[in-house]
């Protein structure tokens, strides 16, 4: 049974990594679909928590995949999920980096290169919407998310400031029995 889950994790994350244009963050809708909706490995709340921790913790964005692997199958799941995500993207990056020297002046390459940033932005926006649907379930979450988004868009402050404020608000809300 555990071997089946590990193979499913490996295949799922391997396939996701192969198409993760713009990084794992752009693939959140697909990861959510596979992990929550299709396989049922995590609930929306567990997915949202794993996503939040993976984004707050220092390190690469693929930490989300590692955390999902850990929740699904412990150390073996963490290892499989991480390797299935890192190995294909590393190979693609190596091959693409070497090929770029030869094709950098080709017209189709320059057009493709110009089309990628809007594609990635669209994928990131879709990821944000999926994450909002999974993570925000009440008015306090809406207020915190909107406040942080507006603050970060309008200021040049370090993200630790809104993170700290959100933690304090969460502690106060919990103290008053909101959670």
N, C-alpha and C. Protein backbone atom coordinates (compact mmCIF):
# COMPACT_ATOMS: atom_id res chain seq x y z
N UNK A 1 0.82 -1.20 0.00
CA UNK A 1 0.00 0.00 0.00
C UNK A 1 0.87 1.26 0.00
N UNK A 2 1.88 1.30 0.91
CA UNK A 2 2.75 2.47 0.97
C UNK A 2 3.55 2.62 -0.32
N UNK A 3 3.95 1.50 -0.92
CA UNK A 3 4.67 1.56 -2.19
C UNK A 3 3.81 2.20 -3.27
N UNK A 4 2.51 1.89 -3.28
CA UNK A 4 1.60 2.49 -4.26
C UNK A 4 1.53 4.00 -4.09
N UNK A 5 1.47 4.44 -2.84
CA UNK A 5 1.41 5.88 -2.56
C UNK A 5 2.72 6.55 -2.99
N UNK A 6 3.84 5.91 -2.70
CA UNK A 6 5.14 6.48 -3.08
C UNK A 6 5.28 6.58 -4.60
N UNK A 7 4.84 5.54 -5.32
CA UNK A 7 4.89 5.59 -6.79
C UNK A 7 3.97 6.68 -7.31
N UNK A 8 2.78 6.79 -6.73
CA UNK A 8 1.83 7.83 -7.15
C UNK A 8 2.39 9.22 -6.89
N UNK A 9 3.00 9.40 -5.72
CA UNK A 9 3.64 10.68 -5.39
C UNK A 9 4.73 11.00 -6.39
N UNK A 10 5.59 10.02 -6.63
CA UNK A 10 6.72 10.23 -7.55
C UNK A 10 6.23 10.60 -8.94
N UNK A 11 5.28 9.85 -9.46
CA UNK A 11 4.77 10.12 -10.80
C UNK A 11 4.07 11.47 -10.87
N UNK A 12 3.25 11.76 -9.89
CA UNK A 12 2.51 13.02 -9.85
C UNK A 12 3.45 14.22 -9.83
N UNK A 13 4.43 14.18 -8.93
CA UNK A 13 5.33 15.31 -8.79
C UNK A 13 6.34 15.39 -9.93
N UNK A 14 6.72 14.26 -10.49
CA UNK A 14 7.61 14.23 -11.65
C UNK A 14 6.92 14.92 -12.83
N UNK A 15 5.66 14.55 -13.08
CA UNK A 15 4.92 15.14 -14.21
C UNK A 15 4.68 16.63 -13.98
N UNK A 16 4.38 17.01 -12.76
CA UNK A 16 4.17 18.43 -12.45
C UNK A 16 5.46 19.21 -12.66
N UNK A 17 6.57 18.65 -12.22
CA UNK A 17 7.86 19.33 -12.37
C UNK A 17 8.22 19.54 -13.84
N UNK A 18 7.85 18.58 -14.68
CA UNK A 18 8.18 18.70 -16.11
C UNK A 18 7.51 19.90 -16.77
N UNK A 19 6.38 20.31 -16.26
CA UNK A 19 5.65 21.42 -16.90
C UNK A 19 5.61 22.67 -16.01
N UNK A 20 6.49 22.74 -15.03
CA UNK A 20 6.44 23.86 -14.09
C UNK A 20 7.15 25.10 -14.63
N UNK A 21 6.62 25.63 -15.72
CA UNK A 21 7.16 26.87 -16.31
C UNK A 21 6.94 27.99 -15.29
N UNK A 22 8.02 28.63 -14.91
CA UNK A 22 7.92 29.69 -13.93
C UNK A 22 8.12 29.21 -12.51
N UNK A 23 8.40 27.95 -12.33
CA UNK A 23 8.65 27.42 -11.00
C UNK A 23 7.43 26.72 -10.42
N UNK A 24 7.63 26.11 -9.29
CA UNK A 24 6.57 25.35 -8.64
C UNK A 24 5.40 26.25 -8.25
N UNK A 25 5.68 27.50 -7.91
CA UNK A 25 4.60 28.40 -7.50
C UNK A 25 3.53 28.54 -8.58
N UNK A 26 3.91 28.44 -9.82
CA UNK A 26 2.93 28.56 -10.91
C UNK A 26 2.08 27.32 -11.06
N UNK A 27 2.51 26.23 -10.43
CA UNK A 27 1.80 24.96 -10.57
C UNK A 27 0.88 24.66 -9.39
N UNK A 28 0.67 25.61 -8.51
CA UNK A 28 -0.18 25.38 -7.33
C UNK A 28 -1.55 24.84 -7.71
N UNK A 29 -2.22 25.38 -8.74
CA UNK A 29 -3.54 24.80 -9.07
C UNK A 29 -3.46 23.31 -9.42
N UNK A 30 -2.44 22.93 -10.17
CA UNK A 30 -2.30 21.52 -10.54
C UNK A 30 -1.90 20.66 -9.34
N UNK A 31 -1.02 21.17 -8.51
CA UNK A 31 -0.62 20.43 -7.31
C UNK A 31 -1.84 20.24 -6.41
N UNK A 32 -2.61 21.31 -6.22
CA UNK A 32 -3.83 21.24 -5.40
C UNK A 32 -4.80 20.21 -5.99
N UNK A 33 -4.99 20.26 -7.29
CA UNK A 33 -5.91 19.32 -7.93
C UNK A 33 -5.48 17.87 -7.69
N UNK A 34 -4.19 17.62 -7.86
CA UNK A 34 -3.69 16.25 -7.69
C UNK A 34 -3.73 15.80 -6.23
N UNK A 35 -3.29 16.66 -5.33
CA UNK A 35 -3.11 16.27 -3.93
C UNK A 35 -4.42 16.27 -3.15
N UNK A 36 -5.28 17.27 -3.40
CA UNK A 36 -6.53 17.40 -2.64
C UNK A 36 -7.70 16.77 -3.37
N UNK A 37 -7.91 17.19 -4.61
CA UNK A 37 -9.12 16.78 -5.32
C UNK A 37 -9.06 15.37 -5.90
N UNK A 38 -7.96 15.02 -6.55
CA UNK A 38 -7.86 13.73 -7.22
C UNK A 38 -7.45 12.60 -6.27
N UNK A 39 -6.33 12.78 -5.58
CA UNK A 39 -5.81 11.70 -4.73
C UNK A 39 -6.37 11.71 -3.32
N UNK A 40 -6.82 12.88 -2.85
CA UNK A 40 -7.35 12.97 -1.50
C UNK A 40 -6.30 12.77 -0.42
N UNK A 41 -5.05 13.05 -0.74
CA UNK A 41 -3.98 12.87 0.23
C UNK A 41 -4.06 13.90 1.35
N UNK A 42 -4.48 15.13 1.02
CA UNK A 42 -4.60 16.20 2.00
C UNK A 42 -5.97 16.87 1.87
N UNK A 43 -6.39 17.50 2.94
CA UNK A 43 -7.60 18.34 2.89
C UNK A 43 -7.19 19.73 2.42
N UNK A 44 -8.15 20.57 2.12
CA UNK A 44 -7.86 21.96 1.76
C UNK A 44 -7.06 22.65 2.86
N UNK A 45 -7.46 22.43 4.10
CA UNK A 45 -6.79 23.07 5.23
C UNK A 45 -5.35 22.58 5.36
N UNK A 46 -5.12 21.29 5.22
CA UNK A 46 -3.75 20.75 5.29
C UNK A 46 -2.89 21.28 4.15
N UNK A 47 -3.48 21.38 2.96
CA UNK A 47 -2.76 21.91 1.81
C UNK A 47 -2.38 23.37 2.05
N UNK A 48 -3.35 24.15 2.54
CA UNK A 48 -3.10 25.57 2.80
C UNK A 48 -2.01 25.75 3.85
N UNK A 49 -2.03 24.92 4.88
CA UNK A 49 -1.01 24.99 5.92
C UNK A 49 0.37 24.63 5.36
N UNK A 50 0.43 23.56 4.58
CA UNK A 50 1.70 23.16 3.97
C UNK A 50 2.21 24.27 3.06
N UNK A 51 1.33 24.87 2.28
CA UNK A 51 1.73 25.96 1.39
C UNK A 51 2.27 27.13 2.20
N UNK A 52 1.54 27.53 3.24
CA UNK A 52 1.95 28.69 4.05
C UNK A 52 3.32 28.44 4.69
N UNK A 53 3.50 27.28 5.27
CA UNK A 53 4.78 26.98 5.91
C UNK A 53 5.91 26.94 4.88
N UNK A 54 5.64 26.38 3.72
CA UNK A 54 6.68 26.29 2.69
C UNK A 54 7.07 27.67 2.16
N UNK A 55 6.15 28.61 2.21
CA UNK A 55 6.45 29.95 1.73
C UNK A 55 7.13 30.81 2.79
N UNK A 56 6.82 30.56 4.05
CA UNK A 56 7.42 31.33 5.13
C UNK A 56 8.82 30.82 5.46
N UNK A 57 9.02 29.52 5.34
CA UNK A 57 10.32 28.93 5.67
C UNK A 57 11.37 29.35 4.64
N UNK A 58 12.59 29.57 5.08
CA UNK A 58 13.64 29.88 4.11
C UNK A 58 13.93 28.66 3.24
N UNK A 59 14.31 28.91 2.04
CA UNK A 59 14.64 27.80 1.14
C UNK A 59 13.85 27.89 -0.15
N UNK A 60 14.02 26.90 -0.99
CA UNK A 60 13.38 26.92 -2.31
C UNK A 60 11.88 26.65 -2.24
N UNK A 61 11.17 27.07 -3.29
CA UNK A 61 9.72 26.86 -3.35
C UNK A 61 9.33 25.39 -3.39
N UNK A 62 10.23 24.54 -3.79
CA UNK A 62 9.88 23.11 -3.84
C UNK A 62 9.69 22.52 -2.46
N UNK A 63 9.94 23.31 -1.44
CA UNK A 63 9.68 22.85 -0.08
C UNK A 63 8.23 22.40 0.06
N UNK A 64 7.32 23.00 -0.69
CA UNK A 64 5.91 22.58 -0.66
C UNK A 64 5.79 21.11 -1.03
N UNK A 65 6.48 20.70 -2.08
CA UNK A 65 6.41 19.31 -2.51
C UNK A 65 6.97 18.39 -1.42
N UNK A 66 8.05 18.81 -0.80
CA UNK A 66 8.65 18.02 0.28
C UNK A 66 7.68 17.89 1.45
N UNK A 67 7.02 18.99 1.80
CA UNK A 67 6.07 18.95 2.92
C UNK A 67 4.87 18.07 2.62
N UNK A 68 4.39 18.13 1.40
CA UNK A 68 3.27 17.25 1.02
C UNK A 68 3.72 15.81 1.10
N UNK A 69 4.89 15.51 0.58
CA UNK A 69 5.43 14.15 0.66
C UNK A 69 5.53 13.68 2.10
N UNK A 70 5.99 14.55 2.98
CA UNK A 70 6.12 14.21 4.40
C UNK A 70 4.75 13.89 4.99
N UNK A 71 3.75 14.73 4.72
CA UNK A 71 2.40 14.50 5.27
C UNK A 71 1.79 13.22 4.74
N UNK A 72 2.07 12.89 3.50
CA UNK A 72 1.46 11.72 2.87
C UNK A 72 2.14 10.43 3.29
N UNK A 73 3.49 10.42 3.34
CA UNK A 73 4.19 9.15 3.57
C UNK A 73 5.46 9.28 4.39
N UNK A 74 5.53 10.24 5.28
CA UNK A 74 6.68 10.36 6.17
C UNK A 74 7.98 10.65 5.43
N UNK A 75 9.09 10.16 6.01
CA UNK A 75 10.42 10.43 5.43
C UNK A 75 10.55 9.92 4.00
N UNK A 76 10.01 8.75 3.74
CA UNK A 76 10.08 8.20 2.38
C UNK A 76 9.33 9.11 1.41
N UNK A 77 8.17 9.60 1.82
CA UNK A 77 7.39 10.51 0.98
C UNK A 77 8.11 11.82 0.73
N UNK A 78 8.73 12.36 1.79
CA UNK A 78 9.50 13.59 1.65
C UNK A 78 10.62 13.41 0.63
N UNK A 79 11.35 12.32 0.76
CA UNK A 79 12.48 12.04 -0.14
C UNK A 79 12.01 11.87 -1.58
N UNK A 80 10.99 11.05 -1.78
CA UNK A 80 10.48 10.79 -3.12
C UNK A 80 9.92 12.06 -3.75
N UNK A 81 9.12 12.80 -3.00
CA UNK A 81 8.52 14.03 -3.53
C UNK A 81 9.59 15.05 -3.91
N UNK A 82 10.60 15.19 -3.08
CA UNK A 82 11.67 16.15 -3.36
C UNK A 82 12.48 15.75 -4.59
N UNK A 83 12.89 14.49 -4.64
CA UNK A 83 13.68 14.02 -5.78
C UNK A 83 12.88 14.06 -7.08
N UNK A 84 11.61 13.68 -7.02
CA UNK A 84 10.77 13.68 -8.23
C UNK A 84 10.55 15.09 -8.75
N UNK A 85 10.69 16.08 -7.89
CA UNK A 85 10.54 17.47 -8.30
C UNK A 85 11.87 18.05 -8.78
N UNK A 86 12.94 17.73 -8.10
CA UNK A 86 14.25 18.35 -8.38
C UNK A 86 14.94 17.74 -9.60
N UNK A 87 14.91 16.44 -9.74
CA UNK A 87 15.69 15.79 -10.79
C UNK A 87 15.25 16.22 -12.20
N UNK A 88 13.95 16.15 -12.54
CA UNK A 88 13.60 16.55 -13.92
C UNK A 88 13.86 18.02 -14.20
N UNK A 89 13.59 18.90 -13.23
CA UNK A 89 13.82 20.32 -13.48
C UNK A 89 15.30 20.63 -13.61
N UNK A 90 16.13 19.93 -12.86
CA UNK A 90 17.58 20.14 -12.96
C UNK A 90 18.09 19.70 -14.34
N UNK A 91 17.61 18.59 -14.82
CA UNK A 91 18.02 18.10 -16.14
C UNK A 91 17.57 19.07 -17.23
N UNK A 92 16.33 19.53 -17.13
CA UNK A 92 15.80 20.48 -18.12
C UNK A 92 16.61 21.77 -18.10
N UNK A 93 16.92 22.28 -16.91
CA UNK A 93 17.71 23.51 -16.80
C UNK A 93 19.09 23.34 -17.41
N UNK A 94 19.70 22.21 -17.18
CA UNK A 94 21.03 21.94 -17.74
C UNK A 94 20.98 21.89 -19.26
N UNK A 95 20.04 21.15 -19.80
CA UNK A 95 19.90 21.02 -21.25
C UNK A 95 19.54 22.37 -21.87
N UNK A 96 18.59 23.09 -21.27
CA UNK A 96 18.18 24.38 -21.81
C UNK A 96 19.31 25.40 -21.76
N UNK A 97 20.06 25.39 -20.67
CA UNK A 97 21.19 26.32 -20.55
C UNK A 97 22.23 26.10 -21.63
N UNK A 98 22.49 24.85 -21.91
CA UNK A 98 23.48 24.53 -22.95
C UNK A 98 22.94 24.83 -24.35
N UNK A 99 21.65 24.59 -24.56
CA UNK A 99 21.05 24.82 -25.87
C UNK A 99 20.88 26.31 -26.15
N UNK A 100 20.72 27.10 -25.13
CA UNK A 100 20.47 28.54 -25.32
C UNK A 100 21.59 29.22 -26.09
N UNK A 101 22.81 28.82 -25.87
CA UNK A 101 23.93 29.42 -26.59
C UNK A 101 23.77 29.27 -28.10
N UNK A 102 23.21 28.14 -28.53
CA UNK A 102 23.08 27.88 -29.97
C UNK A 102 21.83 28.52 -30.57
N UNK A 103 20.79 28.71 -29.79
CA UNK A 103 19.52 29.16 -30.36
C UNK A 103 19.14 30.59 -29.98
N UNK A 104 19.97 31.27 -29.21
CA UNK A 104 19.60 32.57 -28.68
C UNK A 104 19.28 33.63 -29.74
N UNK A 105 19.75 33.46 -30.96
CA UNK A 105 19.48 34.44 -32.01
C UNK A 105 18.36 34.02 -32.94
N UNK A 106 17.81 32.84 -32.73
CA UNK A 106 16.70 32.37 -33.57
C UNK A 106 15.45 33.21 -33.28
N UNK A 107 14.74 33.56 -34.33
CA UNK A 107 13.53 34.39 -34.18
C UNK A 107 12.49 33.73 -33.28
N UNK A 108 12.25 32.44 -33.49
CA UNK A 108 11.24 31.75 -32.69
C UNK A 108 11.60 31.74 -31.21
N UNK A 109 12.90 31.67 -30.92
CA UNK A 109 13.34 31.65 -29.54
C UNK A 109 13.10 33.01 -28.88
N UNK A 110 13.42 34.08 -29.61
CA UNK A 110 13.22 35.42 -29.05
C UNK A 110 11.73 35.70 -28.83
N UNK A 111 10.87 35.22 -29.72
CA UNK A 111 9.43 35.41 -29.55
C UNK A 111 8.92 34.59 -28.37
N UNK A 112 9.40 33.39 -28.24
CA UNK A 112 9.00 32.55 -27.11
C UNK A 112 9.45 33.16 -25.80
N UNK A 113 10.65 33.68 -25.79
CA UNK A 113 11.21 34.29 -24.59
C UNK A 113 10.37 35.51 -24.15
N UNK A 114 9.85 36.25 -25.10
CA UNK A 114 9.01 37.42 -24.78
C UNK A 114 7.62 37.00 -24.32
N UNK A 115 7.16 35.84 -24.75
CA UNK A 115 5.81 35.38 -24.37
C UNK A 115 5.78 34.74 -22.99
N UNK A 116 6.90 34.28 -22.50
CA UNK A 116 6.93 33.56 -21.23
C UNK A 116 6.56 34.41 -20.00
N UNK A 117 7.06 35.65 -19.85
CA UNK A 117 6.69 36.41 -18.65
C UNK A 117 5.18 36.58 -18.46
N UNK A 118 4.39 36.95 -19.49
CA UNK A 118 2.95 37.03 -19.26
C UNK A 118 2.32 35.68 -18.91
N UNK A 119 2.84 34.62 -19.51
CA UNK A 119 2.35 33.29 -19.18
C UNK A 119 2.59 32.98 -17.71
N UNK A 120 3.79 33.24 -17.24
CA UNK A 120 4.13 32.96 -15.85
C UNK A 120 3.28 33.81 -14.90
N UNK A 121 3.08 35.08 -15.23
CA UNK A 121 2.23 35.94 -14.39
C UNK A 121 0.82 35.38 -14.33
N UNK A 122 0.28 34.93 -15.44
CA UNK A 122 -1.06 34.33 -15.44
C UNK A 122 -1.12 33.08 -14.57
N UNK A 123 -0.10 32.25 -14.65
CA UNK A 123 -0.04 31.05 -13.82
C UNK A 123 0.07 31.40 -12.33
N UNK A 124 0.83 32.43 -12.02
CA UNK A 124 0.97 32.86 -10.62
C UNK A 124 -0.37 33.39 -10.11
N UNK A 125 -1.09 34.15 -10.94
CA UNK A 125 -2.42 34.64 -10.54
C UNK A 125 -3.38 33.48 -10.29
N UNK A 126 -3.36 32.48 -11.15
CA UNK A 126 -4.20 31.30 -10.94
C UNK A 126 -3.81 30.59 -9.65
N UNK A 127 -2.53 30.53 -9.37
CA UNK A 127 -2.06 29.91 -8.13
C UNK A 127 -2.58 30.68 -6.92
N UNK A 128 -2.55 32.00 -7.01
CA UNK A 128 -3.06 32.82 -5.91
C UNK A 128 -4.54 32.55 -5.67
N UNK A 129 -5.32 32.46 -6.73
CA UNK A 129 -6.75 32.20 -6.58
C UNK A 129 -7.03 30.84 -5.95
N UNK A 130 -6.32 29.83 -6.38
CA UNK A 130 -6.50 28.49 -5.81
C UNK A 130 -6.10 28.49 -4.34
N UNK A 131 -5.00 29.13 -4.02
CA UNK A 131 -4.54 29.19 -2.64
C UNK A 131 -5.53 29.95 -1.77
N UNK A 132 -6.08 31.04 -2.28
CA UNK A 132 -7.09 31.80 -1.54
C UNK A 132 -8.30 30.91 -1.24
N UNK A 133 -8.75 30.17 -2.23
CA UNK A 133 -9.91 29.30 -2.03
C UNK A 133 -9.63 28.21 -0.99
N UNK A 134 -8.40 27.72 -0.96
CA UNK A 134 -8.06 26.66 -0.01
C UNK A 134 -7.79 27.19 1.39
N UNK A 135 -7.24 28.41 1.48
CA UNK A 135 -6.73 28.89 2.77
C UNK A 135 -7.64 29.86 3.51
N UNK A 136 -8.43 30.62 2.80
CA UNK A 136 -9.20 31.67 3.47
C UNK A 136 -10.65 31.23 3.61
N UNK A 137 -11.05 31.05 4.85
CA UNK A 137 -12.38 30.52 5.12
C UNK A 137 -13.24 31.45 5.95
N UNK A 138 -12.72 32.61 6.34
CA UNK A 138 -13.50 33.53 7.16
C UNK A 138 -13.09 34.98 6.89
N UNK A 139 -13.80 35.90 7.54
CA UNK A 139 -13.56 37.32 7.29
C UNK A 139 -12.17 37.76 7.75
N UNK A 140 -11.65 37.18 8.84
CA UNK A 140 -10.33 37.56 9.31
C UNK A 140 -9.26 37.22 8.27
N UNK A 141 -9.38 36.06 7.65
CA UNK A 141 -8.45 35.68 6.59
C UNK A 141 -8.52 36.62 5.41
N UNK A 142 -9.73 37.03 5.04
CA UNK A 142 -9.90 37.97 3.92
C UNK A 142 -9.23 39.30 4.26
N UNK A 143 -9.47 39.79 5.48
CA UNK A 143 -8.89 41.07 5.90
C UNK A 143 -7.37 40.99 5.92
N UNK A 144 -6.83 39.91 6.50
CA UNK A 144 -5.37 39.76 6.55
C UNK A 144 -4.77 39.67 5.15
N UNK A 145 -5.35 38.84 4.30
CA UNK A 145 -4.81 38.67 2.95
C UNK A 145 -4.87 39.99 2.17
N UNK A 146 -5.99 40.66 2.22
CA UNK A 146 -6.14 41.93 1.49
C UNK A 146 -5.19 42.98 2.05
N UNK A 147 -5.09 43.04 3.38
CA UNK A 147 -4.20 44.02 4.01
C UNK A 147 -2.75 43.81 3.62
N UNK A 148 -2.31 42.56 3.66
CA UNK A 148 -0.92 42.25 3.30
C UNK A 148 -0.68 42.54 1.82
N UNK A 149 -1.62 42.17 0.96
CA UNK A 149 -1.46 42.40 -0.48
C UNK A 149 -1.35 43.90 -0.76
N UNK A 150 -2.22 44.68 -0.18
CA UNK A 150 -2.20 46.14 -0.40
C UNK A 150 -0.91 46.73 0.16
N UNK A 151 -0.56 46.33 1.38
CA UNK A 151 0.65 46.86 2.01
C UNK A 151 1.89 46.55 1.16
N UNK A 152 2.03 45.32 0.73
CA UNK A 152 3.21 44.93 -0.04
C UNK A 152 3.24 45.59 -1.42
N UNK A 153 2.07 45.79 -2.02
CA UNK A 153 2.03 46.43 -3.33
C UNK A 153 2.38 47.91 -3.25
N UNK A 154 2.09 48.54 -2.13
CA UNK A 154 2.28 49.99 -2.01
C UNK A 154 3.54 50.39 -1.24
N UNK A 155 4.21 49.47 -0.61
CA UNK A 155 5.38 49.84 0.19
C UNK A 155 6.62 49.11 -0.31
N UNK A 156 7.71 49.51 0.23
CA UNK A 156 8.98 48.85 -0.09
C UNK A 156 9.52 48.15 1.15
N UNK A 157 8.62 47.83 2.04
CA UNK A 157 9.01 47.22 3.31
C UNK A 157 9.34 45.75 3.14
N UNK A 158 10.09 45.26 4.08
CA UNK A 158 10.43 43.85 4.16
C UNK A 158 9.16 43.05 4.48
N UNK A 159 8.95 41.90 3.88
CA UNK A 159 7.76 41.09 4.17
C UNK A 159 7.67 40.62 5.62
N UNK A 160 8.77 40.72 6.37
CA UNK A 160 8.72 40.32 7.77
C UNK A 160 7.78 41.21 8.58
N UNK A 161 7.60 42.45 8.17
CA UNK A 161 6.71 43.34 8.89
C UNK A 161 5.26 42.85 8.83
N UNK A 162 4.67 42.66 7.64
CA UNK A 162 3.30 42.14 7.65
C UNK A 162 3.20 40.73 8.22
N UNK A 163 4.25 39.93 8.07
CA UNK A 163 4.25 38.59 8.67
C UNK A 163 4.14 38.70 10.19
N UNK A 164 4.93 39.58 10.77
CA UNK A 164 4.89 39.78 12.22
C UNK A 164 3.54 40.29 12.68
N UNK A 165 3.00 41.25 11.97
CA UNK A 165 1.68 41.79 12.32
C UNK A 165 0.61 40.70 12.22
N UNK A 166 0.66 39.89 11.18
CA UNK A 166 -0.32 38.81 11.01
C UNK A 166 -0.21 37.79 12.15
N UNK A 167 1.00 37.49 12.58
CA UNK A 167 1.19 36.56 13.70
C UNK A 167 0.58 37.13 14.97
N UNK A 168 0.83 38.41 15.23
CA UNK A 168 0.26 39.05 16.42
C UNK A 168 -1.27 39.05 16.35
N UNK A 169 -1.82 39.38 15.20
CA UNK A 169 -3.28 39.36 15.03
C UNK A 169 -3.82 37.95 15.27
N UNK A 170 -3.12 36.96 14.75
CA UNK A 170 -3.54 35.57 14.97
C UNK A 170 -3.51 35.18 16.44
N UNK A 171 -2.48 35.59 17.15
CA UNK A 171 -2.37 35.29 18.58
C UNK A 171 -3.49 35.98 19.35
N UNK A 172 -3.73 37.25 19.05
CA UNK A 172 -4.81 37.99 19.72
C UNK A 172 -6.17 37.34 19.40
N UNK A 173 -6.39 37.01 18.15
CA UNK A 173 -7.66 36.38 17.78
C UNK A 173 -7.85 35.05 18.49
N UNK A 174 -6.80 34.28 18.61
CA UNK A 174 -6.88 33.00 19.31
C UNK A 174 -7.15 33.23 20.81
N UNK A 175 -6.53 34.25 21.35
CA UNK A 175 -6.71 34.57 22.77
C UNK A 175 -8.16 34.92 23.09
N UNK A 176 -8.82 35.56 22.14
CA UNK A 176 -10.22 35.92 22.33
C UNK A 176 -11.18 34.85 21.85
N UNK A 177 -10.64 33.66 21.55
CA UNK A 177 -11.48 32.53 21.20
C UNK A 177 -11.97 32.50 19.77
N UNK A 178 -11.34 33.26 18.91
CA UNK A 178 -11.77 33.29 17.51
C UNK A 178 -11.41 31.98 16.80
N UNK A 179 -10.28 31.41 17.16
CA UNK A 179 -9.85 30.15 16.53
C UNK A 179 -10.20 28.99 17.41
